[in-house]
Amino acid sequence: MHVEMAAGLDGPLMHSHIRGLGRVMVFLAAALASASLTIPEGWGEEGVQYGQLGTDVTLSCIGARTGSLVQWRRDGAMALPEGSAIHQGALVLPHASLAAAGTYSCHDEDGSLLHAVSLQLGHLPGVPFVSCRASDYENFSCSWTSSLETFLPTRYITTYRKKSLTGEEKRRNKSGHVGPCLQDPARTGTCTVHRSEFWSSYRLNITEVNPLGSSFRLLDVTMQAIIKPDPPEGLVVEPVPLAPRRLHVSWKYPASWPKEPHFQLRFRLQYRPVIHRSWSVVETVNLSEVITDAFAGLEHVVQVSAKDFLDAGNWSEWSAEARATPVRDPATMVSEETTTDVSLGSLAEEPSQAPNPEPINRSDPLENTAILVSLGIFAFFVLAAVLVIAILIWLRVRKHSKDETKPHNFLVAATHLKALPRTQILP
């Protein structure tokens, strides 16, 4: 066929058509190769006929002589679906419904079996729903579900094409980088593209096929948009000795995420007392965190999730829960026993938004040091204020005493001059 078409062409036009057809053939070969990896031959046992619901279905009587009379039976009984008719030896089922499915057999006038067929009815495939996700920056997986219950055996052809090709890739593969999205028999409804490139875009083709036909979904995928790590692993929560309000939390990278310098993760930690309904959330880039506002003596539940460090994609699912209880303060253990019922009742209603009224733990060295420093600073300022006030009072009293002595000295001098003889006063 290819040679016959090319024979009618000449010169450069012929060569360009040959190259174009060659590209199409290569692309089709790649698609068929990927399909052959997914779909085995045949749809089931011999003697099965498939029909579309709501349409007229015709069953032929193979082996019957032309013009001879035949009889049709369903599941061995003479009763046939309502409205059915025999036309030239074939059985016609108008507007077939699911109730018309079954095993049909045709017989000659003597009742001898001529042919038997199992009729299965269903719908054409619908366009599947497809979503993709990358649990690391080297591979991504896609999952799908059928948009329509077809009532028929269904298989899927899953392929991908890299949308942006480098010059070298175009020279190596002129039809584009096309390959199969590999299906895992252990995980139905999923396929994986291995050794994908984080900065590249891909087009996925998920085709649903059944005996009546096929339908497909094209989905453009960008790795940065679909990245979603697996939850962190190895979550451990431990109480901190001598610190009734603290819990130490640590975890590890998910095993599916390769630890490379250029692709790190950041984390989100959520925690609450078991009797609370509201979570407290903290974000960090470390693999451990210290909770500083836990409730002493109450069991806490903790979870952690992960996301790409540069904020690409989505947060992972939350990890499995881990639980721990902060140590109890020996100094307040007795008083806590007398107020346990009241405090637990108030905590179970709703976490308070007011500042925490719990007194500072005296056994914490850091808190004790902070208290001593605060008291020292306060005492220094009080002492300085008292000293300044005392100096001001002293200066005021001293000035006042000097002012009182000045008139007295003036009067003494005036009296002395008055007592002197006139000759001594005037020269």
Protein backbone atom coordinates (compact mmCIF):
# COMPACT_ATOMS: atom_id res chain seq x y z
CA MET A 1 0.00 0.00 0.00
CA HIS A 2 2.79 2.39 0.88
CA VAL A 3 4.64 1.61 -2.37
CA GLU A 4 1.50 1.99 -4.52
CA MET A 5 0.75 5.41 -3.10
CA ALA A 6 4.33 6.54 -3.52
CA ALA A 7 4.45 5.33 -7.12
CA GLY A 8 2.00 8.02 -8.18
CA LEU A 9 4.28 10.79 -6.86
CA ASP A 10 7.55 12.11 -8.13
CA GLY A 11 10.43 14.31 -7.05
CA PRO A 12 10.61 16.10 -3.65
CA LEU A 13 6.84 15.79 -3.15
CA MET A 14 7.09 12.02 -3.16
CA HIS A 15 9.91 12.01 -0.61
CA SER A 16 8.08 14.41 1.72
CA HIS A 17 4.99 12.19 1.66
CA ILE A 18 7.11 9.15 2.36
CA ARG A 19 8.71 10.84 5.37
CA GLY A 20 5.29 11.94 6.65
CA LEU A 21 3.85 8.46 6.33
CA GLY A 22 6.93 7.05 7.97
CA ARG A 23 6.39 9.23 11.03
CA VAL A 24 2.76 8.20 11.26
CA MET A 25 3.70 4.52 11.02
CA VAL A 26 6.32 4.90 13.74
CA PHE A 27 3.83 6.61 16.04
CA LEU A 28 1.20 3.93 15.42
CA ALA A 29 3.75 1.21 16.01
CA ALA A 30 4.66 2.75 19.36
CA ALA A 31 1.01 3.02 20.34
CA LEU A 32 0.30 -0.58 19.32
CA ALA A 33 3.37 -1.76 21.19
CA SER A 34 2.17 -0.08 24.36
CA ALA A 35 -1.31 -1.52 23.83
CA SER A 36 0.08 -5.01 23.40
CA LEU A 37 1.73 -4.71 26.80
CA THR A 38 -1.61 -3.97 28.41
CA ILE A 39 -4.34 -5.89 26.57
CA PRO A 40 -4.23 -9.65 26.02
CA GLU A 41 -5.92 -11.15 22.98
CA GLY A 42 -9.63 -11.91 23.10
CA TRP A 43 -12.40 -10.84 25.43
CA GLY A 44 -13.43 -14.16 26.88
CA GLU A 45 -14.69 -17.61 25.97
CA GLU A 46 -15.94 -18.51 22.52
CA GLY A 47 -19.64 -18.37 21.89
CA VAL A 48 -20.14 -14.99 23.56
CA GLN A 49 -21.87 -12.10 21.79
CA TYR A 50 -21.92 -8.54 23.13
CA GLY A 51 -24.72 -6.05 22.54
CA GLN A 52 -25.42 -2.45 23.41
CA LEU A 53 -28.22 -1.70 25.83
CA GLY A 54 -31.22 0.12 24.33
CA THR A 55 -30.51 -0.98 20.75
CA ASP A 56 -31.88 -3.77 18.56
CA VAL A 57 -29.72 -6.86 18.99
CA THR A 58 -29.70 -9.62 16.35
CA LEU A 59 -28.60 -13.20 17.09
CA SER A 60 -27.74 -15.35 14.04
CA CYS A 61 -28.40 -19.08 13.92
CA ILE A 62 -25.14 -20.46 12.58
CA GLY A 63 -25.58 -23.82 10.87
CA ALA A 64 -29.20 -23.35 9.88
CA ARG A 65 -30.13 -24.04 6.22
CA THR A 66 -31.46 -21.13 4.22
CA GLY A 67 -35.25 -20.98 4.33
CA SER A 68 -35.56 -23.70 6.98
CA LEU A 69 -37.62 -23.15 10.10
CA VAL A 70 -35.75 -22.72 13.37
CA GLN A 71 -36.74 -22.46 16.97
CA TRP A 72 -35.08 -20.20 19.56
CA ARG A 73 -34.87 -20.89 23.23
CA ARG A 74 -33.52 -18.85 26.12
CA ASP A 75 -31.74 -20.67 28.95
CA GLY A 76 -33.36 -23.89 27.68
CA ALA A 77 -36.93 -22.52 27.88
CA MET A 78 -39.25 -21.61 25.03
CA ALA A 79 -40.13 -18.22 26.59
CA LEU A 80 -38.34 -15.35 24.89
CA PRO A 81 -38.11 -11.65 25.90
CA GLU A 82 -41.17 -9.59 25.14
CA GLY A 83 -41.20 -8.12 21.64
CA SER A 84 -38.59 -10.51 20.24
CA ALA A 85 -39.08 -11.83 16.70
CA ILE A 86 -37.48 -14.36 14.34
CA HIS A 87 -36.52 -12.96 10.95
CA GLN A 88 -34.98 -15.28 8.32
CA GLY A 89 -33.75 -17.58 11.08
CA ALA A 90 -32.18 -14.77 13.17
CA LEU A 91 -33.59 -13.68 16.53
CA VAL A 92 -34.15 -9.91 16.87
CA LEU A 93 -34.37 -8.40 20.38
CA PRO A 94 -35.70 -4.80 20.10
CA HIS A 95 -34.43 -2.17 22.58
CA ALA A 96 -32.57 -4.81 24.54
CA SER A 97 -32.36 -4.34 28.32
CA LEU A 98 -30.24 -6.05 30.93
CA ALA A 99 -33.08 -8.52 31.51
CA ALA A 100 -32.59 -9.82 27.95
CA ALA A 101 -29.10 -11.14 28.71
CA GLY A 102 -28.69 -14.90 28.87
CA THR A 103 -27.80 -18.01 26.85
CA TYR A 104 -29.74 -18.40 23.60
CA SER A 105 -29.88 -21.52 21.42
CA CYS A 106 -31.43 -22.19 18.04
CA HIS A 107 -32.86 -25.60 17.00
CA ASP A 108 -34.14 -27.17 13.79
CA GLU A 109 -37.64 -28.51 13.29
CA ASP A 110 -36.72 -31.76 15.05
CA GLY A 111 -35.42 -29.86 18.08
CA SER A 112 -31.78 -30.65 17.36
CA LEU A 113 -29.33 -27.99 18.58
CA LEU A 114 -27.83 -25.93 15.78
CA HIS A 115 -26.08 -23.09 17.60
CA ALA A 116 -25.79 -21.55 21.09
CA VAL A 117 -24.56 -18.10 22.12
CA SER A 118 -24.22 -16.28 25.43
CA LEU A 119 -25.52 -12.70 25.15
CA GLN A 120 -23.99 -10.00 27.32
CA LEU A 121 -25.39 -6.46 27.20
CA GLY A 122 -23.82 -3.19 28.26
CA HIS A 123 -22.79 0.35 27.32
CA LEU A 124 -19.99 1.90 25.33
CA PRO A 125 -17.12 3.13 27.53
CA GLY A 126 -17.36 6.61 28.99
CA VAL A 127 -14.47 9.06 29.25
CA PRO A 128 -12.48 7.93 32.32
CA PHE A 129 -11.67 10.21 35.25
CA VAL A 130 -7.88 10.52 35.57
CA SER A 131 -5.61 12.08 38.20
CA CYS A 132 -1.83 12.00 38.48
CA ARG A 133 0.56 12.35 41.39
CA ALA A 134 4.33 12.31 41.90
CA SER A 135 5.53 10.95 45.24
CA ASP A 136 9.10 11.92 44.30
CA TYR A 137 10.82 13.97 41.60
CA GLU A 138 11.87 10.96 39.47
CA ASN A 139 8.59 9.11 38.79
CA PHE A 140 4.89 9.86 38.66
CA SER A 141 1.77 7.71 38.72
CA CYS A 142 -1.72 8.15 37.34
CA SER A 143 -4.94 6.55 38.54
CA TRP A 144 -8.33 6.42 36.89
CA THR A 145 -11.90 5.33 37.40
CA SER A 146 -14.60 4.67 34.85
CA SER A 147 -17.20 7.40 34.44
CA LEU A 148 -19.88 4.87 33.45
CA GLU A 149 -20.83 1.38 34.55
CA THR A 150 -20.70 -0.56 31.27
CA PHE A 151 -21.58 -4.05 32.61
CA LEU A 152 -18.93 -5.42 30.23
CA PRO A 153 -15.30 -6.51 30.59
CA THR A 154 -13.06 -3.44 30.36
CA ARG A 155 -9.34 -2.91 29.74
CA TYR A 156 -7.15 0.17 29.49
CA ILE A 157 -4.41 1.38 27.14
CA THR A 158 -2.12 3.80 28.97
CA THR A 159 0.57 5.75 27.11
CA TYR A 160 2.40 9.05 27.51
CA ARG A 161 4.23 11.55 25.32
CA LYS A 162 6.80 14.09 26.43
CA LYS A 163 5.58 17.49 25.23
CA SER A 164 8.85 19.46 25.14
CA LEU A 165 11.76 17.72 23.43
CA THR A 166 15.39 18.74 23.21
CA GLY A 167 17.17 18.80 19.86
CA GLU A 168 18.95 15.54 20.63
CA GLU A 169 15.66 13.83 21.56
CA LYS A 170 14.05 15.01 18.32
CA ARG A 171 16.94 13.55 16.32
CA ARG A 172 16.78 10.21 18.14
CA ASN A 173 13.01 9.84 17.99
CA LYS A 174 11.32 11.91 15.30
CA SER A 175 7.84 10.85 16.37
CA GLY A 176 8.38 12.30 19.84
CA HIS A 177 9.19 10.66 23.13
CA VAL A 178 6.28 8.16 23.35
CA GLY A 179 6.12 5.24 25.74
CA PRO A 180 3.81 3.10 27.85
CA CYS A 181 2.63 4.19 31.27
CA LEU A 182 3.31 0.84 32.93
CA GLN A 183 0.38 -0.78 34.71
CA ASP A 184 0.94 -2.70 37.92
CA PRO A 185 -1.22 -5.87 38.13
CA ALA A 186 -1.14 -5.60 41.93
CA ARG A 187 -2.67 -2.10 41.80
CA THR A 188 -5.63 -1.99 39.44
CA GLY A 189 -6.45 1.36 37.92
CA THR A 190 -2.92 2.82 38.16
CA CYS A 191 0.10 3.20 35.92
CA THR A 192 3.57 4.70 36.41
CA VAL A 193 5.98 6.68 34.24
CA HIS A 194 9.52 5.94 35.41
CA ARG A 195 12.59 8.17 35.07
CA SER A 196 10.50 11.25 34.37
CA GLU A 197 12.05 14.72 34.40
CA PHE A 198 11.04 17.19 37.11
CA TRP A 199 11.06 20.24 34.82
CA SER A 200 9.28 18.58 31.86
CA SER A 201 5.63 18.35 30.80
CA TYR A 202 3.87 15.18 29.67
CA ARG A 203 0.61 14.29 27.94
CA LEU A 204 -1.10 11.13 29.23
CA ASN A 205 -3.54 9.11 27.14
CA ILE A 206 -5.78 6.80 29.18
CA THR A 207 -8.06 4.82 26.84
CA GLU A 208 -10.89 2.67 28.17
CA VAL A 209 -11.77 -0.24 25.88
CA ASN A 210 -14.58 -2.79 26.00
CA PRO A 211 -16.05 -5.12 23.33
CA LEU A 212 -18.34 -2.35 22.03
CA GLY A 213 -15.71 0.35 21.51
CA SER A 214 -13.34 2.73 23.29
CA SER A 215 -13.12 6.19 24.83
CA PHE A 216 -10.04 8.12 25.97
CA ARG A 217 -8.90 10.97 28.19
CA LEU A 218 -5.92 13.22 27.43
CA LEU A 219 -4.29 14.82 30.45
CA ASP A 220 -1.39 17.29 30.48
CA VAL A 221 0.90 16.79 33.45
CA THR A 222 3.59 19.08 34.88
CA MET A 223 5.74 17.48 37.57
CA GLN A 224 5.93 20.61 39.74
CA ALA A 225 2.12 20.77 39.92
CA ILE A 226 1.47 17.14 40.87
CA ILE A 227 4.30 16.56 43.35
CA LYS A 228 2.89 15.20 46.60
CA PRO A 229 5.30 13.37 48.92
CA ASP A 230 4.37 10.33 50.92
CA PRO A 231 3.84 10.99 54.66
CA PRO A 232 6.98 11.18 56.85
CA GLU A 233 7.95 7.98 58.61
CA GLY A 234 9.29 6.93 62.00
CA LEU A 235 7.34 9.50 64.05
CA VAL A 236 8.44 9.38 67.70
CA VAL A 237 7.06 11.52 70.56
CA GLU A 238 8.78 11.54 73.96
CA PRO A 239 8.31 13.52 77.19
CA VAL A 240 11.13 15.88 78.23
CA PRO A 241 12.52 15.13 81.73
CA LEU A 242 11.82 17.84 84.34
CA ALA A 243 9.69 19.77 81.82
CA PRO A 244 5.97 19.13 82.39
CA ARG A 245 4.91 21.30 79.40
CA ARG A 246 7.27 19.91 76.78
CA LEU A 247 7.28 17.02 74.29
CA HIS A 248 10.14 16.13 71.94
CA VAL A 249 9.00 15.03 68.45
CA SER A 250 11.21 13.49 65.74
CA TRP A 251 10.60 11.85 62.33
CA LYS A 252 12.31 10.73 59.11
CA TYR A 253 12.01 11.42 55.38
CA PRO A 254 9.61 9.08 53.56
CA ALA A 255 11.51 6.17 52.00
CA SER A 256 10.12 7.07 48.56
CA TRP A 257 11.75 10.53 48.57
CA PRO A 258 15.45 10.47 47.55
CA LYS A 259 17.44 12.78 49.80
CA GLU A 260 19.28 15.07 47.40
CA PRO A 261 20.66 18.55 48.18
CA HIS A 262 18.44 20.22 45.57
CA PHE A 263 15.15 18.53 46.51
CA GLN A 264 14.49 18.90 50.22
CA LEU A 265 11.25 18.77 52.20
CA ARG A 266 9.68 21.00 54.80
CA PHE A 267 7.26 19.75 57.44
CA ARG A 268 4.05 20.63 59.23
CA LEU A 269 3.43 19.34 62.77
CA GLN A 270 -0.01 19.16 64.35
CA TYR A 271 -0.73 18.18 67.95
CA ARG A 272 -3.47 18.31 70.60
CA PRO A 273 -4.43 16.71 73.89
CA VAL A 274 -6.51 13.61 73.27
CA ILE A 275 -9.55 15.20 74.96
CA HIS A 276 -9.36 18.30 72.72
CA ARG A 277 -10.91 18.68 69.27
CA SER A 278 -8.72 21.52 67.96
CA TRP A 279 -5.19 21.13 66.62
CA SER A 280 -2.16 23.35 67.09
CA VAL A 281 0.06 23.54 63.99
CA VAL A 282 3.78 24.33 63.67
CA GLU A 283 5.91 24.41 60.48
CA THR A 284 9.62 23.57 60.42
CA VAL A 285 12.44 22.53 58.10
CA ASN A 286 14.04 20.30 60.74
CA LEU A 287 13.51 16.62 61.47
CA SER A 288 12.60 17.30 65.08
CA GLU A 289 10.65 19.83 67.11
CA VAL A 290 9.99 20.57 70.79
CA ILE A 291 6.39 21.30 71.79
CA THR A 292 6.56 23.91 74.57
CA ASP A 293 2.86 24.43 75.39
CA ALA A 294 1.70 20.89 76.14
CA PHE A 295 -0.62 20.21 79.08
CA ALA A 296 1.18 18.49 81.95
CA GLY A 297 -0.15 15.03 82.70
CA LEU A 298 -2.46 14.85 79.64
CA GLU A 299 -1.90 12.41 76.77
CA HIS A 300 -1.22 14.19 73.45
CA VAL A 301 -1.64 12.96 69.87
CA VAL A 302 0.84 14.15 67.21
CA GLN A 303 1.00 13.89 63.39
CA VAL A 304 3.34 15.28 60.73
CA SER A 305 3.10 15.92 56.96
CA ALA A 306 5.63 16.99 54.29
CA LYS A 307 5.84 19.24 51.24
CA ASP A 308 8.48 20.21 48.69
CA PHE A 309 10.84 22.78 50.22
CA LEU A 310 10.17 25.29 47.39
CA ASP A 311 6.39 24.96 47.87
CA ALA A 312 5.79 22.97 44.67
CA GLY A 313 2.75 20.70 44.56
CA ASN A 314 0.76 19.73 47.63
CA TRP A 315 1.18 18.67 51.25
CA SER A 316 1.38 14.95 51.88
CA GLU A 317 -1.24 13.08 53.83
CA TRP A 318 -0.79 13.15 57.59
CA SER A 319 1.40 10.46 59.06
CA ALA A 320 0.15 7.81 61.42
CA GLU A 321 -0.58 9.12 64.91
CA ALA A 322 1.96 8.98 67.73
CA ARG A 323 1.06 9.61 71.38
CA ALA A 324 2.88 10.63 74.54
CA THR A 325 2.17 12.24 77.91
CA PRO A 326 4.34 15.04 79.37
CA VAL A 327 5.87 14.37 82.79
CA ARG A 328 3.93 15.52 85.84
CA ASP A 329 5.26 18.26 88.12
CA PRO A 330 5.92 16.70 91.57
CA ALA A 331 5.40 20.07 93.29
CA THR A 332 1.87 20.40 92.00
CA MET A 333 0.88 16.73 91.87
CA VAL A 334 -1.10 16.88 95.14
CA SER A 335 -3.05 19.99 94.19
CA GLU A 336 -3.74 18.59 90.74
CA GLU A 337 -5.33 15.48 92.23
CA THR A 338 -7.90 17.61 94.05
CA THR A 339 -8.84 19.59 90.92
CA THR A 340 -8.61 16.88 88.25
CA ASP A 341 -12.35 16.54 87.70
CA VAL A 342 -12.92 20.28 87.31
CA SER A 343 -9.96 20.88 84.99
CA LEU A 344 -10.69 17.89 82.75
CA GLY A 345 -14.31 18.98 82.41
CA SER A 346 -13.38 22.48 81.29
CA LEU A 347 -10.67 21.24 78.92
CA ALA A 348 -13.01 18.74 77.27
CA GLU A 349 -15.47 21.47 76.29
CA GLU A 350 -13.12 23.62 74.18
CA PRO A 351 -9.51 24.82 74.34
CA SER A 352 -9.30 28.24 75.96
CA GLN A 353 -8.12 31.15 73.81
CA ALA A 354 -7.02 33.13 76.91
CA PRO A 355 -3.40 33.14 78.16
CA ASN A 356 -2.44 29.99 79.98
CA PRO A 357 -3.12 30.54 83.74
CA GLU A 358 -0.95 27.60 84.80
CA PRO A 359 1.91 28.81 87.09
CA ILE A 360 5.43 28.58 85.73
CA ASN A 361 7.14 25.36 86.64
CA ARG A 362 9.69 26.09 89.36
CA SER A 363 11.72 23.03 88.53
CA ASP A 364 12.64 24.35 85.06
CA PRO A 365 16.16 25.91 85.26
CA LEU A 366 15.52 28.30 82.39
CA GLU A 367 12.31 29.60 83.90
CA ASN A 368 13.94 30.01 87.32
CA THR A 369 16.78 32.01 85.79
CA ALA A 370 14.33 34.24 83.96
CA ILE A 371 12.45 34.94 87.19
CA LEU A 372 15.63 35.87 89.08
CA VAL A 373 16.80 38.19 86.32
CA SER A 374 13.41 39.91 86.19
CA LEU A 375 13.35 40.41 89.97
CA GLY A 376 16.90 41.79 89.96
CA ILE A 377 16.11 44.33 87.26
CA PHE A 378 12.96 45.41 89.05
CA ALA A 379 14.80 45.83 92.37
CA PHE A 380 17.53 47.89 90.68
CA PHE A 381 15.04 50.34 89.20
CA VAL A 382 13.17 50.69 92.53
CA LEU A 383 16.40 51.37 94.40
CA ALA A 384 17.53 53.92 91.81
CA ALA A 385 14.19 55.74 92.03
CA VAL A 386 14.35 55.92 95.83
CA LEU A 387 17.92 57.24 95.69
CA VAL A 388 17.04 59.97 93.17
CA ILE A 389 14.07 61.09 95.26
CA ALA A 390 16.25 61.24 98.41
CA ILE A 391 18.88 63.38 96.65
CA LEU A 392 16.26 65.82 95.36
CA ILE A 393 14.74 66.21 98.85
CA TRP A 394 18.16 66.82 100.40
CA LEU A 395 19.05 69.50 97.83
CA ARG A 396 15.74 71.26 98.40
CA VAL A 397 16.18 71.31 102.19
CA ARG A 398 19.71 72.62 101.92
CA LYS A 399 18.67 75.46 99.61
CA HIS A 400 15.84 76.41 101.92
CA SER A 401 18.15 76.64 104.96
CA LYS A 402 20.52 79.01 103.12
CA ASP A 403 17.69 81.33 102.20
CA GLU A 404 16.58 81.61 105.85
CA THR A 405 20.04 82.74 107.10
CA LYS A 406 20.47 85.66 104.64
CA PRO A 407 17.96 88.22 106.28
CA HIS A 408 19.32 87.56 109.74
CA ASN A 409 22.91 88.57 108.77
CA PHE A 410 21.65 91.74 107.04
CA LEU A 411 19.81 92.93 110.20
CA VAL A 412 22.85 92.36 112.40
CA ALA A 413 25.00 94.45 110.06
CA ALA A 414 22.43 97.27 109.97
CA THR A 415 22.16 97.42 113.77
CA HIS A 416 25.92 97.58 114.11
CA LEU A 417 26.19 100.55 111.74
CA LYS A 418 23.47 102.43 113.60
CA ALA A 419 25.32 102.08 116.90
CA LEU A 420 28.55 103.55 115.59
CA PRO A 421 29.30 107.32 116.17
CA ARG A 422 28.50 109.55 113.29
CA THR A 423 32.10 110.48 112.85
CA GLN A 424 32.93 106.82 112.18
CA ILE A 425 30.24 106.46 109.68
CA LEU A 426 31.11 109.48 107.56
CA PRO A 427 34.65 110.30 106.63
